[in-house]
Structures are given as C-alpha cells and as structure tokens.
Amino acid sequence: MAYYAKKIGLTKWFKETILGIEPLVETVKVRARTVKGRFMGDDPSTPNINEAYTTVKKTKAKPKKKAKAKKK
C-alpha cells in the first residue's frame, strides 16, 4: 500500500492521517555551534528566544526487511 501511495503522488497530509504512513523526517533540537565548531551560548538580552539550541531535520532509519526462511 505504501508503494502505491508513493507512486501516485498523494499529499503528505493524506498519507499521515488517512493511510497512517509516518514521514521519514523528524525534527530534533540540538546545540547550536559557531563557525569554529564551538557551542554557542544563550543571549540573556532575549529572554523569549534560546540561541543555544537549533532545530535540525533528521531522517528516520527505514525498517529492515526480514530475511526469508530457507526451505529444507
């Protein structure tokens, strides 16, 4: 069913709500880094915004297929 939904080009909303197919991308909060690769600190002058963390899209691992049982 998932293959058919991918092939005909259904919308993301339809796949998630009607068919129950989860997206392969999720968002994760990670520590922000400077150009040199060091961690950034939070700016105390902006209390509503946290500059020390950023949101990154991370792909989920696809489930592995089980190997077929060998016949004797």
C-alpha atoms as a PDB file:
ATOM      1  CA  MET A   1       0.000   0.000   0.000  1.00  0.00           C
ATOM      2  CA  ALA A   2       2.836   2.401   0.830  1.00  0.00           C
ATOM      3  CA  TYR A   3       4.414   1.793  -2.561  1.00  0.00           C
ATOM      4  CA  TYR A   4       1.154   2.605  -4.325  1.00  0.00           C
ATOM      5  CA  ALA A   5       0.694   5.812  -2.295  1.00  0.00           C
ATOM      6  CA  LYS A   6       4.219   6.907  -3.178  1.00  0.00           C
ATOM      7  CA  LYS A   7       3.811   6.117  -6.853  1.00  0.00           C
ATOM      8  CA  ILE A   8       0.620   8.128  -7.474  1.00  0.00           C
ATOM      9  CA  GLY A   9       1.861  11.172  -5.516  1.00  0.00           C
ATOM     10  CA  LEU A  10      -0.592  11.642  -2.663  1.00  0.00           C
ATOM     11  CA  THR A  11      -0.189  14.628  -0.352  1.00  0.00           C
ATOM     12  CA  LYS A  12       1.701  14.448   2.921  1.00  0.00           C
ATOM     13  CA  TRP A  13      -1.466  15.162   4.944  1.00  0.00           C
ATOM     14  CA  PHE A  14      -3.385  12.331   3.258  1.00  0.00           C
ATOM     15  CA  LYS A  15      -0.564   9.837   3.810  1.00  0.00           C
ATOM     16  CA  GLU A  16      -0.255  10.706   7.519  1.00  0.00           C
ATOM     17  CA  THR A  17      -3.928  10.981   8.507  1.00  0.00           C
ATOM     18  CA  ILE A  18      -5.788   8.584   6.226  1.00  0.00           C
ATOM     19  CA  LEU A  19      -3.234   5.892   5.385  1.00  0.00           C
ATOM     20  CA  GLY A  20      -1.221   6.116   8.630  1.00  0.00           C
ATOM     21  CA  ILE A  21       2.155   6.340   6.886  1.00  0.00           C
ATOM     22  CA  GLU A  22       4.712   8.150   9.047  1.00  0.00           C
ATOM     23  CA  PRO A  23       7.126  10.603   7.412  1.00  0.00           C
ATOM     24  CA  LEU A  24      10.808   9.623   7.268  1.00  0.00           C
ATOM     25  CA  VAL A  25      11.909  13.046   8.561  1.00  0.00           C
ATOM     26  CA  GLU A  26      11.641  14.288  12.141  1.00  0.00           C
ATOM     27  CA  THR A  27      12.842  17.478  13.813  1.00  0.00           C
ATOM     28  CA  VAL A  28      15.329  17.340  16.682  1.00  0.00           C
ATOM     29  CA  LYS A  29      16.678  20.139  18.910  1.00  0.00           C
ATOM     30  CA  VAL A  30      20.491  20.162  19.079  1.00  0.00           C
ATOM     31  CA  ARG A  31      23.089  22.552  20.467  1.00  0.00           C
ATOM     32  CA  ALA A  32      23.980  25.407  18.134  1.00  0.00           C
ATOM     33  CA  ARG A  33      27.588  25.790  17.049  1.00  0.00           C
ATOM     34  CA  THR A  34      29.739  28.704  15.910  1.00  0.00           C
ATOM     35  CA  VAL A  35      31.738  28.817  12.688  1.00  0.00           C
ATOM     36  CA  LYS A  36      34.714  27.327  14.563  1.00  0.00           C
ATOM     37  CA  GLY A  37      32.558  24.441  15.826  1.00  0.00           C
ATOM     38  CA  ARG A  38      32.265  25.557  19.442  1.00  0.00           C
ATOM     39  CA  PHE A  39      28.957  25.643  21.310  1.00  0.00           C
ATOM     40  CA  MET A  40      27.066  28.946  21.266  1.00  0.00           C
ATOM     41  CA  GLY A  41      25.758  30.484  24.462  1.00  0.00           C
ATOM     42  CA  ASP A  42      22.307  31.897  25.078  1.00  0.00           C
ATOM     43  CA  ASP A  43      21.913  35.677  24.765  1.00  0.00           C
ATOM     44  CA  PRO A  44      20.456  36.976  28.065  1.00  0.00           C
ATOM     45  CA  SER A  45      19.047  40.117  26.404  1.00  0.00           C
ATOM     46  CA  THR A  46      16.436  37.997  24.541  1.00  0.00           C
ATOM     47  CA  PRO A  47      14.500  36.049  27.194  1.00  0.00           C
ATOM     48  CA  ASN A  48      11.926  34.549  24.775  1.00  0.00           C
ATOM     49  CA  ILE A  49      14.447  33.118  22.290  1.00  0.00           C
ATOM     50  CA  ASN A  50      17.027  30.438  23.078  1.00  0.00           C
ATOM     51  CA  GLU A  51      20.000  30.839  20.730  1.00  0.00           C
ATOM     52  CA  ALA A  52      21.879  27.920  22.326  1.00  0.00           C
ATOM     53  CA  TYR A  53      19.644  25.343  20.587  1.00  0.00           C
ATOM     54  CA  THR A  54      18.598  24.954  16.951  1.00  0.00           C
ATOM     55  CA  THR A  55      16.111  22.672  15.226  1.00  0.00           C
ATOM     56  CA  VAL A  56      17.533  20.167  12.730  1.00  0.00           C
ATOM     57  CA  LYS A  57      15.719  17.767  10.409  1.00  0.00           C
ATOM     58  CA  LYS A  58      16.828  14.176  10.919  1.00  0.00           C
ATOM     59  CA  THR A  59      15.858  11.258   8.694  1.00  0.00           C
ATOM     60  CA  LYS A  60      14.472   8.166  10.335  1.00  0.00           C
ATOM     61  CA  ALA A  61      16.008   4.810   9.553  1.00  0.00           C
ATOM     62  CA  LYS A  62      13.903   2.672   7.260  1.00  0.00           C
ATOM     63  CA  PRO A  63      12.779  -0.618   8.797  1.00  0.00           C
ATOM     64  CA  LYS A  64      14.880  -3.526   7.643  1.00  0.00           C
ATOM     65  CA  LYS A  65      13.200  -6.360   5.797  1.00  0.00           C
ATOM     66  CA  LYS A  66      13.311  -9.778   7.410  1.00  0.00           C
ATOM     67  CA  ALA A  67      15.178 -12.499   5.567  1.00  0.00           C
ATOM     68  CA  LYS A  68      13.037 -15.256   4.136  1.00  0.00           C
ATOM     69  CA  ALA A  69      13.261 -18.629   5.821  1.00  0.00           C
ATOM     70  CA  LYS A  70      15.140 -21.226   3.820  1.00  0.00           C
ATOM     71  CA  LYS A  71      13.295 -24.350   2.799  1.00  0.00           C
ATOM     72  CA  LYS A  72      14.912 -27.693   3.517  1.00  0.00           C
END
